[in-house]
C-alpha cells in the first residue's frame, strides 16, 4: 500500500501472523525507518520488535513507550502473567543499554510492570528483587521521569514487604522514599511521597500503632493539603479517610 511522504506504510509479512510497519519520519535527511514485528495469535503469545533509527529526537522513546504499553494492554489484560513477564524481560534486554532519557524511563517502567505482575501472581520475593533492581540501575538517574519511576518502585517494594509480613522493613522503605524524594516539587514525585506516607500509616495501623499512624496521616494533610495535583489530592483524601477510620477504631469517633 503506497503512501505519501509523511504517512505510514503497512506491509503484510510472509507469515500471516506477522505485521510489519515502516514509518517515514517527516522531512529529515534520508529515511528514518522503524520496523516493528508483532507476532499475533488469537491470544497474544509473544511480542518481538526490531527498529533502527537515525538520531531523530524522540523516535526511540515513542517506540519504547508503545511497546511497554502493548505488554500491559494485551498480555496483562488477558491475565497472561507468564507471557507478560517475558515481554518485559525481552524489552529490558533489547533497550536496557539505551542512554536516552525517554527509553531509560520506559525500561524502568517495564521493570516496574514486571515486578507488579510477579506480585499479583503471588511471587512477592521475586517482585521485591525486581523493585530493588530498578533502584540499583536507576537510583542515581537525574532524569525527572526516571526518578519518579524509581520512587514508585520503592513504594511498591514497601507494599510488597508489608504483604509478606515484613512490616518493619516496609516502614523503612516508605521512610526512605520521603527522605530521598520529599523535597522534589514535581507532581509525579509529590504523589509518590504522599503515597509512601499513607502506606506507612496503614502499615503502622496494622501493627497496632494507631497513635503513630494518625500522626503520619496528619503529616500527609499538613504537607499536601493545599496541593492542586489530582494525584496528590487523592492520597490526601485517603489519609483523611484512614485517619477517621483509625480514630473510630480507637473509640474516638468524635475526633474523626
C-alpha atoms as a PDB file:
ATOM      1  CA  UNK A   1       0.000   0.000   0.000  1.00  0.00           C
ATOM      2  CA  UNK A   2       1.716   3.213  -1.101  1.00  0.00           C
ATOM      3  CA  UNK A   3       1.532   6.379   0.986  1.00  0.00           C
ATOM      4  CA  UNK A   4       2.687   9.972   0.853  1.00  0.00           C
ATOM      5  CA  UNK A   5       5.894  11.206   2.405  1.00  0.00           C
ATOM      6  CA  UNK A   6       4.550  11.870   5.893  1.00  0.00           C
ATOM      7  CA  UNK A   7       2.399   8.791   6.420  1.00  0.00           C
ATOM      8  CA  UNK A   8       2.923   5.197   7.460  1.00  0.00           C
ATOM      9  CA  UNK A   9       3.404   2.229   5.154  1.00  0.00           C
ATOM     10  CA  UNK A  10       1.988  -1.102   6.156  1.00  0.00           C
ATOM     11  CA  UNK A  11       3.162  -4.321   4.524  1.00  0.00           C
ATOM     12  CA  UNK A  12       1.928  -7.809   5.176  1.00  0.00           C
ATOM     13  CA  UNK A  13       4.680 -10.217   6.139  1.00  0.00           C
ATOM     14  CA  UNK A  14       5.149 -13.667   4.695  1.00  0.00           C
ATOM     15  CA  UNK A  15       3.779 -15.085   7.925  1.00  0.00           C
ATOM     16  CA  UNK A  16       0.046 -14.450   8.192  1.00  0.00           C
ATOM     17  CA  UNK A  17       0.504 -13.606  11.883  1.00  0.00           C
ATOM     18  CA  UNK A  18       3.201 -11.021  11.242  1.00  0.00           C
ATOM     19  CA  UNK A  19       2.599  -7.338  10.680  1.00  0.00           C
ATOM     20  CA  UNK A  20       5.438  -5.057   9.688  1.00  0.00           C
ATOM     21  CA  UNK A  21       5.211  -1.279   9.900  1.00  0.00           C
ATOM     22  CA  UNK A  22       7.671   1.111   8.305  1.00  0.00           C
ATOM     23  CA  UNK A  23       7.495   4.753   9.354  1.00  0.00           C
ATOM     24  CA  UNK A  24       8.982   7.627   7.391  1.00  0.00           C
ATOM     25  CA  UNK A  25       9.551  10.478   9.827  1.00  0.00           C
ATOM     26  CA  UNK A  26       8.992  13.921   8.357  1.00  0.00           C
ATOM     27  CA  UNK A  27      11.460  15.858   6.261  1.00  0.00           C
ATOM     28  CA  UNK A  28      14.655  14.507   7.764  1.00  0.00           C
ATOM     29  CA  UNK A  29      17.786  13.956   5.705  1.00  0.00           C
ATOM     30  CA  UNK A  30      17.107  10.447   4.484  1.00  0.00           C
ATOM     31  CA  UNK A  31      14.742   7.823   5.818  1.00  0.00           C
ATOM     32  CA  UNK A  32      14.210   7.108   9.474  1.00  0.00           C
ATOM     33  CA  UNK A  33      12.956   3.555   9.394  1.00  0.00           C
ATOM     34  CA  UNK A  34      11.280   1.768  12.240  1.00  0.00           C
ATOM     35  CA  UNK A  35      10.358  -1.856  11.795  1.00  0.00           C
ATOM     36  CA  UNK A  36       8.066  -3.366  14.380  1.00  0.00           C
ATOM     37  CA  UNK A  37       7.363  -7.077  14.110  1.00  0.00           C
ATOM     38  CA  UNK A  38       4.392  -8.166  16.176  1.00  0.00           C
ATOM     39  CA  UNK A  39       3.657 -11.883  16.348  1.00  0.00           C
ATOM     40  CA  UNK A  40      -0.010 -12.458  16.993  1.00  0.00           C
ATOM     41  CA  UNK A  41      -2.341 -15.371  17.725  1.00  0.00           C
ATOM     42  CA  UNK A  42      -5.985 -15.204  18.891  1.00  0.00           C
ATOM     43  CA  UNK A  43      -4.476 -14.592  22.326  1.00  0.00           C
ATOM     44  CA  UNK A  44      -1.136 -12.844  22.083  1.00  0.00           C
ATOM     45  CA  UNK A  45       1.614 -15.300  22.958  1.00  0.00           C
ATOM     46  CA  UNK A  46       4.697 -13.293  22.112  1.00  0.00           C
ATOM     47  CA  UNK A  47       5.889  -9.913  21.001  1.00  0.00           C
ATOM     48  CA  UNK A  48       9.136  -9.141  19.214  1.00  0.00           C
ATOM     49  CA  UNK A  49      10.348  -5.919  17.788  1.00  0.00           C
ATOM     50  CA  UNK A  50      13.271  -4.532  15.842  1.00  0.00           C
ATOM     51  CA  UNK A  51      13.966  -0.983  14.862  1.00  0.00           C
ATOM     52  CA  UNK A  52      16.816   1.075  13.523  1.00  0.00           C
ATOM     53  CA  UNK A  53      16.830   4.844  13.546  1.00  0.00           C
ATOM     54  CA  UNK A  54      18.995   7.881  12.988  1.00  0.00           C
ATOM     55  CA  UNK A  55      19.459  10.436  15.739  1.00  0.00           C
ATOM     56  CA  UNK A  56      15.969  11.797  15.202  1.00  0.00           C
ATOM     57  CA  UNK A  57      14.818  13.066  18.643  1.00  0.00           C
ATOM     58  CA  UNK A  58      12.015  11.179  20.319  1.00  0.00           C
ATOM     59  CA  UNK A  59      11.673   8.269  17.899  1.00  0.00           C
ATOM     60  CA  UNK A  60      13.163   5.584  20.130  1.00  0.00           C
ATOM     61  CA  UNK A  61      11.290   6.961  23.136  1.00  0.00           C
ATOM     62  CA  UNK A  62       7.922   6.751  21.376  1.00  0.00           C
ATOM     63  CA  UNK A  63       8.545   3.242  20.114  1.00  0.00           C
ATOM     64  CA  UNK A  64       9.765   2.061  23.505  1.00  0.00           C
ATOM     65  CA  UNK A  65       6.765   3.514  25.329  1.00  0.00           C
ATOM     66  CA  UNK A  66       4.370   1.988  22.813  1.00  0.00           C
ATOM     67  CA  UNK A  67       5.865  -1.461  23.269  1.00  0.00           C
ATOM     68  CA  UNK A  68       5.665  -1.308  27.057  1.00  0.00           C
ATOM     69  CA  UNK A  69       2.025  -0.262  26.769  1.00  0.00           C
ATOM     70  CA  UNK A  70       1.385  -3.190  24.429  1.00  0.00           C
ATOM     71  CA  UNK A  71       2.702  -5.613  27.036  1.00  0.00           C
ATOM     72  CA  UNK A  72       0.396  -4.115  29.642  1.00  0.00           C
ATOM     73  CA  UNK A  73      -2.699  -3.799  27.473  1.00  0.00           C
ATOM     74  CA  UNK A  74      -2.585  -7.058  25.531  1.00  0.00           C
ATOM     75  CA  UNK A  75      -0.950  -9.504  27.885  1.00  0.00           C
ATOM     76  CA  UNK A  76      -1.754  -8.180  31.329  1.00  0.00           C
ATOM     77  CA  UNK A  77      -5.387  -7.667  30.355  1.00  0.00           C
ATOM     78  CA  UNK A  78      -5.686 -11.283  29.303  1.00  0.00           C
ATOM     79  CA  UNK A  79      -4.283 -12.437  32.627  1.00  0.00           C
ATOM     80  CA  UNK A  80      -1.277 -13.989  30.927  1.00  0.00           C
ATOM     81  CA  UNK A  81       1.245 -13.229  33.655  1.00  0.00           C
ATOM     82  CA  UNK A  82       3.956 -15.522  32.340  1.00  0.00           C
ATOM     83  CA  UNK A  83       3.784 -14.102  28.827  1.00  0.00           C
ATOM     84  CA  UNK A  84       3.673 -10.533  30.143  1.00  0.00           C
ATOM     85  CA  UNK A  85       6.814 -11.097  32.202  1.00  0.00           C
ATOM     86  CA  UNK A  86       8.604 -12.454  29.128  1.00  0.00           C
ATOM     87  CA  UNK A  87       7.662  -9.332  27.173  1.00  0.00           C
ATOM     88  CA  UNK A  88       9.026  -7.059  29.896  1.00  0.00           C
ATOM     89  CA  UNK A  89      12.244  -9.090  30.115  1.00  0.00           C
ATOM     90  CA  UNK A  90      12.676  -9.034  26.347  1.00  0.00           C
ATOM     91  CA  UNK A  91      12.096  -5.308  26.337  1.00  0.00           C
ATOM     92  CA  UNK A  92      14.725  -4.702  29.020  1.00  0.00           C
ATOM     93  CA  UNK A  93      17.145  -6.969  27.177  1.00  0.00           C
ATOM     94  CA  UNK A  94      16.729  -5.069  23.910  1.00  0.00           C
ATOM     95  CA  UNK A  95      16.554  -1.500  25.205  1.00  0.00           C
ATOM     96  CA  UNK A  96      18.355  -1.659  28.547  1.00  0.00           C
ATOM     97  CA  UNK A  97      21.596  -0.190  27.213  1.00  0.00           C
ATOM     98  CA  UNK A  98      19.933   2.809  25.534  1.00  0.00           C
ATOM     99  CA  UNK A  99      21.061   6.022  27.206  1.00  0.00           C
ATOM    100  CA  UNK A 100      18.281   8.385  26.067  1.00  0.00           C
ATOM    101  CA  UNK A 101      16.116   9.608  28.988  1.00  0.00           C
ATOM    102  CA  UNK A 102      12.826   8.549  27.409  1.00  0.00           C
ATOM    103  CA  UNK A 103      13.983   4.989  26.785  1.00  0.00           C
ATOM    104  CA  UNK A 104      15.567   4.723  30.244  1.00  0.00           C
ATOM    105  CA  UNK A 105      12.206   5.727  31.687  1.00  0.00           C
ATOM    106  CA  UNK A 106      10.431   3.124  29.534  1.00  0.00           C
ATOM    107  CA  UNK A 107      12.881   0.422  30.670  1.00  0.00           C
ATOM    108  CA  UNK A 108      12.330   1.373  34.305  1.00  0.00           C
ATOM    109  CA  UNK A 109       8.554   1.255  33.780  1.00  0.00           C
ATOM    110  CA  UNK A 110       8.846  -2.157  32.133  1.00  0.00           C
ATOM    111  CA  UNK A 111      10.670  -3.422  35.208  1.00  0.00           C
ATOM    112  CA  UNK A 112       8.008  -1.931  37.494  1.00  0.00           C
ATOM    113  CA  UNK A 113       5.329  -3.685  35.445  1.00  0.00           C
ATOM    114  CA  UNK A 114       7.273  -6.935  35.712  1.00  0.00           C
ATOM    115  CA  UNK A 115       7.508  -6.543  39.474  1.00  0.00           C
ATOM    116  CA  UNK A 116       3.809  -5.752  39.795  1.00  0.00           C
ATOM    117  CA  UNK A 117       2.927  -8.762  37.644  1.00  0.00           C
ATOM    118  CA  UNK A 118       5.069 -11.024  39.825  1.00  0.00           C
ATOM    119  CA  UNK A 119       3.450  -9.640  42.964  1.00  0.00           C
ATOM    120  CA  UNK A 120      -0.038 -10.204  41.555  1.00  0.00           C
ATOM    121  CA  UNK A 121       0.999 -13.769  40.791  1.00  0.00           C
ATOM    122  CA  UNK A 122       1.895 -14.293  44.445  1.00  0.00           C
ATOM    123  CA  UNK A 123       5.656 -14.125  43.928  1.00  0.00           C
ATOM    124  CA  UNK A 124       6.382 -11.318  46.391  1.00  0.00           C
ATOM    125  CA  UNK A 125      10.006 -12.313  46.894  1.00  0.00           C
ATOM    126  CA  UNK A 126      10.772 -12.126  43.186  1.00  0.00           C
ATOM    127  CA  UNK A 127       8.826  -8.869  42.891  1.00  0.00           C
ATOM    128  CA  UNK A 128      10.881  -7.277  45.666  1.00  0.00           C
ATOM    129  CA  UNK A 129      14.092  -8.246  43.845  1.00  0.00           C
ATOM    130  CA  UNK A 130      12.849  -6.533  40.685  1.00  0.00           C
ATOM    131  CA  UNK A 131      11.956  -3.337  42.563  1.00  0.00           C
ATOM    132  CA  UNK A 132      15.430  -3.390  44.114  1.00  0.00           C
ATOM    133  CA  UNK A 133      16.956  -3.858  40.651  1.00  0.00           C
ATOM    134  CA  UNK A 134      15.231  -0.668  39.495  1.00  0.00           C
ATOM    135  CA  UNK A 135      16.760   1.293  42.354  1.00  0.00           C
ATOM    136  CA  UNK A 136      20.185  -0.235  41.721  1.00  0.00           C
ATOM    137  CA  UNK A 137      20.071   0.562  37.998  1.00  0.00           C
ATOM    138  CA  UNK A 138      18.403   3.960  38.067  1.00  0.00           C
ATOM    139  CA  UNK A 139      18.625   5.215  41.639  1.00  0.00           C
ATOM    140  CA  UNK A 140      21.135   7.930  40.745  1.00  0.00           C
ATOM    141  CA  UNK A 141      19.488   8.905  37.465  1.00  0.00           C
ATOM    142  CA  UNK A 142      18.932  12.661  37.134  1.00  0.00           C
ATOM    143  CA  UNK A 143      16.033  12.437  34.678  1.00  0.00           C
ATOM    144  CA  UNK A 144      12.778  13.554  36.390  1.00  0.00           C
ATOM    145  CA  UNK A 145      10.772  10.842  34.646  1.00  0.00           C
ATOM    146  CA  UNK A 146      13.166   8.100  35.702  1.00  0.00           C
ATOM    147  CA  UNK A 147      13.335   9.420  39.279  1.00  0.00           C
ATOM    148  CA  UNK A 148       9.553   9.218  39.548  1.00  0.00           C
ATOM    149  CA  UNK A 149       9.615   5.592  38.404  1.00  0.00           C
ATOM    150  CA  UNK A 150      12.323   4.776  40.964  1.00  0.00           C
ATOM    151  CA  UNK A 151      10.179   6.311  43.692  1.00  0.00           C
ATOM    152  CA  UNK A 152       7.182   4.270  42.514  1.00  0.00           C
ATOM    153  CA  UNK A 153       9.310   1.112  42.542  1.00  0.00           C
ATOM    154  CA  UNK A 154      10.339   1.764  46.132  1.00  0.00           C
ATOM    155  CA  UNK A 155       6.723   2.348  47.180  1.00  0.00           C
ATOM    156  CA  UNK A 156       5.826  -0.949  45.515  1.00  0.00           C
ATOM    157  CA  UNK A 157       8.726  -2.634  47.292  1.00  0.00           C
ATOM    158  CA  UNK A 158       7.456  -1.357  50.627  1.00  0.00           C
ATOM    159  CA  UNK A 159       3.947  -2.570  49.875  1.00  0.00           C
ATOM    160  CA  UNK A 160       5.276  -5.998  48.857  1.00  0.00           C
ATOM    161  CA  UNK A 161       7.308  -6.229  52.060  1.00  0.00           C
ATOM    162  CA  UNK A 162       4.208  -5.370  54.061  1.00  0.00           C
ATOM    163  CA  UNK A 163       2.188  -8.039  52.284  1.00  0.00           C
ATOM    164  CA  UNK A 164       4.964 -10.503  53.071  1.00  0.00           C
ATOM    165  CA  UNK A 165       4.661  -9.730  56.771  1.00  0.00           C
ATOM    166  CA  UNK A 166       7.846  -7.665  56.962  1.00  0.00           C
ATOM    167  CA  UNK A 167       6.204  -4.535  58.348  1.00  0.00           C
ATOM    168  CA  UNK A 168       9.356  -3.118  59.908  1.00  0.00           C
ATOM    169  CA  UNK A 169      11.273  -3.315  56.635  1.00  0.00           C
ATOM    170  CA  UNK A 170       8.282  -1.899  54.757  1.00  0.00           C
ATOM    171  CA  UNK A 171       8.152   1.169  57.009  1.00  0.00           C
ATOM    172  CA  UNK A 172      11.886   1.758  56.472  1.00  0.00           C
ATOM    173  CA  UNK A 173      11.361   1.747  52.695  1.00  0.00           C
ATOM    174  CA  UNK A 174       8.461   4.218  52.914  1.00  0.00           C
ATOM    175  CA  UNK A 175      10.609   6.485  55.070  1.00  0.00           C
ATOM    176  CA  UNK A 176      13.418   6.200  52.515  1.00  0.00           C
ATOM    177  CA  UNK A 177      11.082   7.452  49.781  1.00  0.00           C
ATOM    178  CA  UNK A 178      10.203  10.505  51.876  1.00  0.00           C
ATOM    179  CA  UNK A 179      13.852  11.115  52.783  1.00  0.00           C
ATOM    180  CA  UNK A 180      15.155  10.820  49.222  1.00  0.00           C
ATOM    181  CA  UNK A 181      12.369  12.471  47.275  1.00  0.00           C
ATOM    182  CA  UNK A 182      10.445  14.554  49.798  1.00  0.00           C
ATOM    183  CA  UNK A 183      11.814  17.883  48.559  1.00  0.00           C
ATOM    184  CA  UNK A 184      11.078  17.194  44.896  1.00  0.00           C
ATOM    185  CA  UNK A 185       8.414  19.590  43.618  1.00  0.00           C
ATOM    186  CA  UNK A 186       7.233  17.692  40.549  1.00  0.00           C
ATOM    187  CA  UNK A 187       3.597  16.486  40.737  1.00  0.00           C
ATOM    188  CA  UNK A 188       4.502  12.872  39.982  1.00  0.00           C
ATOM    189  CA  UNK A 189       7.091  12.808  42.748  1.00  0.00           C
ATOM    190  CA  UNK A 190       4.842  14.561  45.279  1.00  0.00           C
ATOM    191  CA  UNK A 191       2.258  11.881  44.554  1.00  0.00           C
ATOM    192  CA  UNK A 192       4.740   9.087  45.293  1.00  0.00           C
ATOM    193  CA  UNK A 193       5.823  10.742  48.546  1.00  0.00           C
ATOM    194  CA  UNK A 194       2.194  11.146  49.644  1.00  0.00           C
ATOM    195  CA  UNK A 195       1.531   7.533  48.678  1.00  0.00           C
ATOM    196  CA  UNK A 196       4.553   6.354  50.679  1.00  0.00           C
ATOM    197  CA  UNK A 197       3.340   8.236  53.758  1.00  0.00           C
ATOM    198  CA  UNK A 198      -0.197   6.843  53.526  1.00  0.00           C
ATOM    199  CA  UNK A 199       1.208   3.337  53.133  1.00  0.00           C
ATOM    200  CA  UNK A 200       3.461   3.928  56.139  1.00  0.00           C
ATOM    201  CA  UNK A 201       0.447   4.993  58.177  1.00  0.00           C
ATOM    202  CA  UNK A 202      -1.565   1.966  57.075  1.00  0.00           C
ATOM    203  CA  UNK A 203       1.318  -0.362  57.966  1.00  0.00           C
ATOM    204  CA  UNK A 204       1.656   1.211  61.405  1.00  0.00           C
ATOM    205  CA  UNK A 205      -2.084   0.775  61.900  1.00  0.00           C
ATOM    206  CA  UNK A 206      -1.881  -2.921  61.074  1.00  0.00           C
ATOM    207  CA  UNK A 207       0.871  -3.226  63.656  1.00  0.00           C
ATOM    208  CA  UNK A 208      -1.474  -1.791  66.281  1.00  0.00           C
ATOM    209  CA  UNK A 209       0.357   1.528  66.449  1.00  0.00           C
ATOM    210  CA  UNK A 210      -2.713   3.662  65.927  1.00  0.00           C
ATOM    211  CA  UNK A 211      -1.305   6.799  67.509  1.00  0.00           C
ATOM    212  CA  UNK A 212       1.711   6.795  65.213  1.00  0.00           C
ATOM    213  CA  UNK A 213      -0.465   6.010  62.201  1.00  0.00           C
ATOM    214  CA  UNK A 214      -2.701   9.015  62.923  1.00  0.00           C
ATOM    215  CA  UNK A 215       0.349  11.298  63.139  1.00  0.00           C
ATOM    216  CA  UNK A 216       1.507  10.096  59.709  1.00  0.00           C
ATOM    217  CA  UNK A 217      -1.932  10.758  58.191  1.00  0.00           C
ATOM    218  CA  UNK A 218      -1.857  14.239  59.708  1.00  0.00           C
ATOM    219  CA  UNK A 219       1.582  14.768  58.165  1.00  0.00           C
ATOM    220  CA  UNK A 220       0.157  13.968  54.730  1.00  0.00           C
ATOM    221  CA  UNK A 221      -2.564  16.579  55.184  1.00  0.00           C
ATOM    222  CA  UNK A 222      -0.080  19.121  56.556  1.00  0.00           C
ATOM    223  CA  UNK A 223       2.351  18.649  53.681  1.00  0.00           C
ATOM    224  CA  UNK A 224      -0.034  18.228  50.784  1.00  0.00           C
ATOM    225  CA  UNK A 225      -3.415  19.528  51.949  1.00  0.00           C
ATOM    226  CA  UNK A 226      -3.294  22.528  49.614  1.00  0.00           C
ATOM    227  CA  UNK A 227      -1.786  20.663  46.657  1.00  0.00           C
ATOM    228  CA  UNK A 228      -3.722  21.142  43.423  1.00  0.00           C
ATOM    229  CA  UNK A 229      -2.451  17.994  41.665  1.00  0.00           C
ATOM    230  CA  UNK A 230      -5.291  15.451  41.276  1.00  0.00           C
ATOM    231  CA  UNK A 231      -2.982  12.521  42.006  1.00  0.00           C
ATOM    232  CA  UNK A 232      -1.709  14.096  45.228  1.00  0.00           C
ATOM    233  CA  UNK A 233      -5.182  15.203  46.322  1.00  0.00           C
ATOM    234  CA  UNK A 234      -6.355  11.602  46.019  1.00  0.00           C
ATOM    235  CA  UNK A 235      -3.791  10.500  48.611  1.00  0.00           C
ATOM    236  CA  UNK A 236      -4.666  13.402  50.898  1.00  0.00           C
ATOM    237  CA  UNK A 237      -8.284  12.233  50.776  1.00  0.00           C
ATOM    238  CA  UNK A 238      -7.190   8.687  51.612  1.00  0.00           C
ATOM    239  CA  UNK A 239      -5.113   9.964  54.533  1.00  0.00           C
ATOM    240  CA  UNK A 240      -8.135  11.791  55.954  1.00  0.00           C
ATOM    241  CA  UNK A 241     -10.318   8.730  55.449  1.00  0.00           C
ATOM    242  CA  UNK A 242      -7.843   6.369  57.092  1.00  0.00           C
ATOM    243  CA  UNK A 243      -7.338   8.801  59.955  1.00  0.00           C
ATOM    244  CA  UNK A 244     -11.095   8.824  60.545  1.00  0.00           C
ATOM    245  CA  UNK A 245     -11.297   5.037  60.407  1.00  0.00           C
ATOM    246  CA  UNK A 246      -8.396   4.695  62.834  1.00  0.00           C
ATOM    247  CA  UNK A 247      -9.925   7.170  65.271  1.00  0.00           C
ATOM    248  CA  UNK A 248     -13.211   5.268  65.058  1.00  0.00           C
ATOM    249  CA  UNK A 249     -11.454   2.030  65.873  1.00  0.00           C
ATOM    250  CA  UNK A 250      -9.888   3.725  68.879  1.00  0.00           C
ATOM    251  CA  UNK A 251     -13.304   4.810  70.092  1.00  0.00           C
ATOM    252  CA  UNK A 252     -12.627   8.441  69.239  1.00  0.00           C
ATOM    253  CA  UNK A 253     -15.327   8.903  66.623  1.00  0.00           C
ATOM    254  CA  UNK A 254     -15.953  12.455  67.779  1.00  0.00           C
ATOM    255  CA  UNK A 255     -12.430  13.447  66.780  1.00  0.00           C
ATOM    256  CA  UNK A 256     -12.810  11.846  63.358  1.00  0.00           C
END
